[in-house]
Amino acid sequence: MSDLKNYISQRKKRDPAFALGYDLATVAERRDEETVSHEELIKSLKADGKL
């Protein structure tokens, strides 16, 4: 895990306000991305061996 990802993960655990703000910013940033159906998600997770 990168240093930045590690920092964000640790900070989210100890600071709920940061976690909420970070999560909302992530959602806003990604709102224009193409969506994936539930079926496509399940298929992808199975193909990756995560399900």
C-alpha atoms as a PDB file:
ATOM      1  CA  MET A   1       0.000   0.000   0.000  1.00  0.00           C
ATOM      2  CA  SER A   2       1.311   3.423  -0.889  1.00  0.00           C
ATOM      3  CA  ASP A   3       2.149   5.909   1.847  1.00  0.00           C
ATOM      4  CA  LEU A   4      -0.780   8.112   0.843  1.00  0.00           C
ATOM      5  CA  LYS A   5      -3.277   5.251   0.853  1.00  0.00           C
ATOM      6  CA  ASN A   6      -1.934   4.093   4.208  1.00  0.00           C
ATOM      7  CA  TYR A   7      -2.244   7.609   5.651  1.00  0.00           C
ATOM      8  CA  ILE A   8      -5.824   7.974   4.400  1.00  0.00           C
ATOM      9  CA  SER A   9      -6.767   4.554   5.757  1.00  0.00           C
ATOM     10  CA  GLN A  10      -5.305   5.300   9.192  1.00  0.00           C
ATOM     11  CA  ARG A  11      -6.800   8.801   9.315  1.00  0.00           C
ATOM     12  CA  LYS A  12     -10.264   7.512   8.387  1.00  0.00           C
ATOM     13  CA  LYS A  13     -10.092   5.064  11.310  1.00  0.00           C
ATOM     14  CA  ARG A  14      -9.328   7.738  13.894  1.00  0.00           C
ATOM     15  CA  ASP A  15     -11.255  10.713  12.482  1.00  0.00           C
ATOM     16  CA  PRO A  16     -14.886  10.074  11.457  1.00  0.00           C
ATOM     17  CA  ALA A  17     -15.330  13.626  10.109  1.00  0.00           C
ATOM     18  CA  PHE A  18     -12.330  13.157   7.812  1.00  0.00           C
ATOM     19  CA  ALA A  19     -13.707   9.798   6.670  1.00  0.00           C
ATOM     20  CA  LEU A  20     -17.086  11.302   5.776  1.00  0.00           C
ATOM     21  CA  GLY A  21     -15.537  14.266   3.966  1.00  0.00           C
ATOM     22  CA  TYR A  22     -13.111  12.037   2.101  1.00  0.00           C
ATOM     23  CA  ASP A  23     -15.832   9.605   1.077  1.00  0.00           C
ATOM     24  CA  LEU A  24     -18.127  12.409  -0.130  1.00  0.00           C
ATOM     25  CA  ALA A  25     -15.286  13.968  -2.118  1.00  0.00           C
ATOM     26  CA  THR A  26     -14.578  10.606  -3.734  1.00  0.00           C
ATOM     27  CA  VAL A  27     -18.234  10.176  -4.686  1.00  0.00           C
ATOM     28  CA  ALA A  28     -18.399  13.689  -6.154  1.00  0.00           C
ATOM     29  CA  GLU A  29     -15.192  13.117  -8.087  1.00  0.00           C
ATOM     30  CA  ARG A  30     -16.475   9.879  -9.606  1.00  0.00           C
ATOM     31  CA  ARG A  31     -20.101  10.852 -10.282  1.00  0.00           C
ATOM     32  CA  ASP A  32     -19.529  11.232 -14.034  1.00  0.00           C
ATOM     33  CA  GLU A  33     -17.932   7.818 -14.458  1.00  0.00           C
ATOM     34  CA  GLU A  34     -19.749   5.089 -16.305  1.00  0.00           C
ATOM     35  CA  THR A  35     -21.777   2.790 -14.063  1.00  0.00           C
ATOM     36  CA  VAL A  36     -21.548  -0.990 -13.878  1.00  0.00           C
ATOM     37  CA  SER A  37     -24.557  -3.245 -13.439  1.00  0.00           C
ATOM     38  CA  HIS A  38     -24.754  -5.616 -10.495  1.00  0.00           C
ATOM     39  CA  GLU A  39     -24.418  -8.576 -12.840  1.00  0.00           C
ATOM     40  CA  GLU A  40     -21.275  -7.095 -14.425  1.00  0.00           C
ATOM     41  CA  LEU A  41     -19.793  -6.447 -10.983  1.00  0.00           C
ATOM     42  CA  ILE A  42     -20.397 -10.031  -9.858  1.00  0.00           C
ATOM     43  CA  LYS A  43     -18.929 -11.387 -13.111  1.00  0.00           C
ATOM     44  CA  SER A  44     -15.826  -9.198 -12.701  1.00  0.00           C
ATOM     45  CA  LEU A  45     -15.322 -10.176  -9.053  1.00  0.00           C
ATOM     46  CA  LYS A  46     -15.631 -13.870  -9.925  1.00  0.00           C
ATOM     47  CA  ALA A  47     -13.160 -13.487 -12.807  1.00  0.00           C
ATOM     48  CA  ASP A  48     -10.680 -11.837 -10.417  1.00  0.00           C
ATOM     49  CA  GLY A  49     -11.142 -14.641  -7.864  1.00  0.00           C
ATOM     50  CA  LYS A  50     -12.518 -12.249  -5.263  1.00  0.00           C
ATOM     51  CA  LEU A  51     -15.883 -13.927  -5.025  1.00  0.00           C
END
